[in-house]
Amino acid sequence: MSFSRGPKEPVPEVETNIWSCTSDDCQGWMRESYSFEEEPTCPLCKSTMQKEVRILPELK
């Protein structure tokens, strides 16, 4: 078995809906598709979260 150390295929980036923490002191966020709640609270600081769109690597 051999492992290539050459360049890897670039991962496509796509617009992704996320929940972002509203607290100025917290950088918490999660992909909307990974949230089980309709309006989640931040798992790190328990503040409210708001919807945003970010360009993130595509998950398959």
N, C-alpha and C. Protein backbone atom coordinates (compact mmCIF):
# COMPACT_ATOMS: atom_id res chain seq x y z
N MET A 1 0.85 -1.17 0.00
CA MET A 1 0.00 0.00 0.00
C MET A 1 0.90 1.24 0.00
N SER A 2 0.56 2.21 -0.84
CA SER A 2 1.35 3.44 -0.84
C SER A 2 0.45 4.63 -0.58
N PHE A 3 1.03 5.63 0.05
CA PHE A 3 0.29 6.85 0.37
C PHE A 3 0.89 7.99 -0.43
N SER A 4 0.05 8.68 -1.16
CA SER A 4 0.53 9.81 -1.96
C SER A 4 0.58 11.07 -1.11
N ARG A 5 1.68 11.77 -1.19
CA ARG A 5 1.79 13.04 -0.48
C ARG A 5 1.58 14.21 -1.45
N GLY A 6 1.16 13.90 -2.66
CA GLY A 6 0.93 14.93 -3.67
C GLY A 6 -0.32 15.73 -3.34
N PRO A 7 -0.62 16.70 -4.20
CA PRO A 7 -1.81 17.53 -3.94
C PRO A 7 -3.08 16.70 -3.95
N LYS A 8 -3.96 17.02 -3.00
CA LYS A 8 -5.24 16.32 -2.92
C LYS A 8 -6.24 17.03 -3.81
N GLU A 9 -7.30 16.32 -4.17
CA GLU A 9 -8.36 16.95 -4.95
C GLU A 9 -8.98 18.07 -4.12
N PRO A 10 -9.20 19.22 -4.73
CA PRO A 10 -9.83 20.30 -3.96
C PRO A 10 -11.27 19.93 -3.61
N VAL A 11 -11.68 20.27 -2.40
CA VAL A 11 -13.04 20.00 -1.96
C VAL A 11 -13.92 21.16 -2.42
N PRO A 12 -14.99 20.88 -3.18
CA PRO A 12 -15.84 21.98 -3.63
C PRO A 12 -16.49 22.69 -2.45
N GLU A 13 -16.59 24.01 -2.55
CA GLU A 13 -17.22 24.79 -1.49
C GLU A 13 -18.58 25.27 -2.00
N VAL A 14 -19.57 25.24 -1.12
CA VAL A 14 -20.94 25.60 -1.49
C VAL A 14 -21.55 26.51 -0.44
N GLU A 15 -22.55 27.28 -0.85
CA GLU A 15 -23.30 28.09 0.11
C GLU A 15 -24.05 27.15 1.03
N THR A 16 -23.90 27.32 2.32
CA THR A 16 -24.46 26.41 3.31
C THR A 16 -25.23 27.20 4.36
N ASN A 17 -26.47 26.79 4.64
CA ASN A 17 -27.24 27.42 5.70
C ASN A 17 -26.70 26.96 7.04
N ILE A 18 -26.45 27.92 7.92
CA ILE A 18 -25.93 27.58 9.25
C ILE A 18 -26.71 28.34 10.32
N TRP A 19 -26.54 27.90 11.55
CA TRP A 19 -26.98 28.65 12.73
C TRP A 19 -25.73 29.23 13.34
N SER A 20 -25.74 30.53 13.65
CA SER A 20 -24.59 31.21 14.23
C SER A 20 -24.99 31.80 15.57
N CYS A 21 -24.11 31.68 16.56
CA CYS A 21 -24.38 32.20 17.90
C CYS A 21 -24.47 33.73 17.85
N THR A 22 -25.43 34.29 18.58
CA THR A 22 -25.61 35.75 18.59
C THR A 22 -24.74 36.44 19.64
N SER A 23 -24.08 35.68 20.50
CA SER A 23 -23.23 36.27 21.54
C SER A 23 -21.93 36.80 20.94
N ASP A 24 -21.56 38.03 21.31
CA ASP A 24 -20.31 38.62 20.83
C ASP A 24 -19.08 37.88 21.37
N ASP A 25 -19.24 37.18 22.48
CA ASP A 25 -18.11 36.49 23.11
C ASP A 25 -17.95 35.05 22.64
N CYS A 26 -18.81 34.59 21.74
CA CYS A 26 -18.79 33.18 21.32
C CYS A 26 -18.72 33.09 19.80
N GLN A 27 -17.96 32.14 19.31
CA GLN A 27 -17.83 31.92 17.87
C GLN A 27 -18.59 30.67 17.41
N GLY A 28 -19.51 30.17 18.25
CA GLY A 28 -20.21 28.92 17.95
C GLY A 28 -21.09 29.01 16.72
N TRP A 29 -21.11 27.94 15.95
CA TRP A 29 -22.01 27.82 14.81
C TRP A 29 -22.18 26.35 14.48
N MET A 30 -23.24 26.03 13.74
CA MET A 30 -23.45 24.65 13.29
C MET A 30 -24.20 24.67 11.96
N ARG A 31 -23.98 23.65 11.17
CA ARG A 31 -24.73 23.52 9.92
C ARG A 31 -26.20 23.31 10.26
N GLU A 32 -27.06 23.98 9.50
CA GLU A 32 -28.50 23.85 9.74
C GLU A 32 -28.95 22.40 9.62
N SER A 33 -28.37 21.67 8.67
CA SER A 33 -28.78 20.28 8.45
C SER A 33 -28.36 19.35 9.61
N TYR A 34 -27.48 19.82 10.51
CA TYR A 34 -27.06 19.01 11.66
C TYR A 34 -27.78 19.39 12.94
N SER A 35 -28.74 20.32 12.83
CA SER A 35 -29.49 20.74 14.01
C SER A 35 -30.79 19.95 14.09
N PHE A 36 -31.14 19.50 15.29
CA PHE A 36 -32.38 18.75 15.47
C PHE A 36 -33.52 19.64 15.94
N GLU A 37 -33.21 20.89 16.28
CA GLU A 37 -34.22 21.81 16.80
C GLU A 37 -34.58 22.84 15.75
N GLU A 38 -35.82 23.35 15.83
CA GLU A 38 -36.25 24.37 14.89
C GLU A 38 -35.51 25.68 15.12
N GLU A 39 -35.28 26.03 16.38
CA GLU A 39 -34.49 27.21 16.73
C GLU A 39 -33.53 26.82 17.85
N PRO A 40 -32.35 26.31 17.50
CA PRO A 40 -31.43 25.80 18.52
C PRO A 40 -30.80 26.89 19.37
N THR A 41 -30.34 26.51 20.54
CA THR A 41 -29.50 27.39 21.35
C THR A 41 -28.06 26.94 21.14
N CYS A 42 -27.14 27.84 21.37
CA CYS A 42 -25.73 27.54 21.15
C CYS A 42 -25.28 26.42 22.08
N PRO A 43 -24.67 25.37 21.54
CA PRO A 43 -24.20 24.27 22.40
C PRO A 43 -23.03 24.67 23.29
N LEU A 44 -22.36 25.77 22.97
CA LEU A 44 -21.21 26.20 23.76
C LEU A 44 -21.59 27.12 24.90
N CYS A 45 -22.47 28.12 24.63
CA CYS A 45 -22.76 29.11 25.67
C CYS A 45 -24.26 29.26 25.96
N LYS A 46 -25.09 28.51 25.26
CA LYS A 46 -26.55 28.49 25.46
C LYS A 46 -27.26 29.79 25.04
N SER A 47 -26.58 30.66 24.28
CA SER A 47 -27.22 31.87 23.75
C SER A 47 -28.12 31.49 22.57
N THR A 48 -28.94 32.46 22.14
CA THR A 48 -29.77 32.21 20.97
C THR A 48 -28.89 32.19 19.72
N MET A 49 -29.43 31.58 18.66
CA MET A 49 -28.68 31.50 17.41
C MET A 49 -29.52 32.09 16.29
N GLN A 50 -28.85 32.57 15.24
CA GLN A 50 -29.56 33.12 14.10
C GLN A 50 -29.07 32.45 12.83
N LYS A 51 -29.95 32.42 11.81
CA LYS A 51 -29.58 31.79 10.54
C LYS A 51 -28.65 32.69 9.75
N GLU A 52 -27.67 32.08 9.12
CA GLU A 52 -26.73 32.77 8.22
C GLU A 52 -26.40 31.82 7.08
N VAL A 53 -25.72 32.34 6.08
CA VAL A 53 -25.21 31.51 4.97
C VAL A 53 -23.71 31.71 4.92
N ARG A 54 -22.97 30.61 4.86
CA ARG A 54 -21.50 30.66 4.74
C ARG A 54 -21.08 29.76 3.57
N ILE A 55 -19.94 30.08 3.02
CA ILE A 55 -19.34 29.23 2.01
C ILE A 55 -18.46 28.21 2.75
N LEU A 56 -18.87 26.94 2.70
CA LEU A 56 -18.18 25.87 3.43
C LEU A 56 -17.87 24.71 2.51
N PRO A 57 -16.90 23.88 2.88
CA PRO A 57 -16.64 22.67 2.09
C PRO A 57 -17.89 21.80 2.04
N GLU A 58 -18.15 21.24 0.87
CA GLU A 58 -19.32 20.40 0.68
C GLU A 58 -19.14 19.07 1.42
N LEU A 59 -20.15 18.65 2.14
CA LEU A 59 -20.15 17.34 2.79
C LEU A 59 -20.97 16.39 1.95
N LYS A 60 -20.48 15.19 1.80
CA LYS A 60 -21.22 14.22 0.98
C LYS A 60 -21.76 13.10 1.83
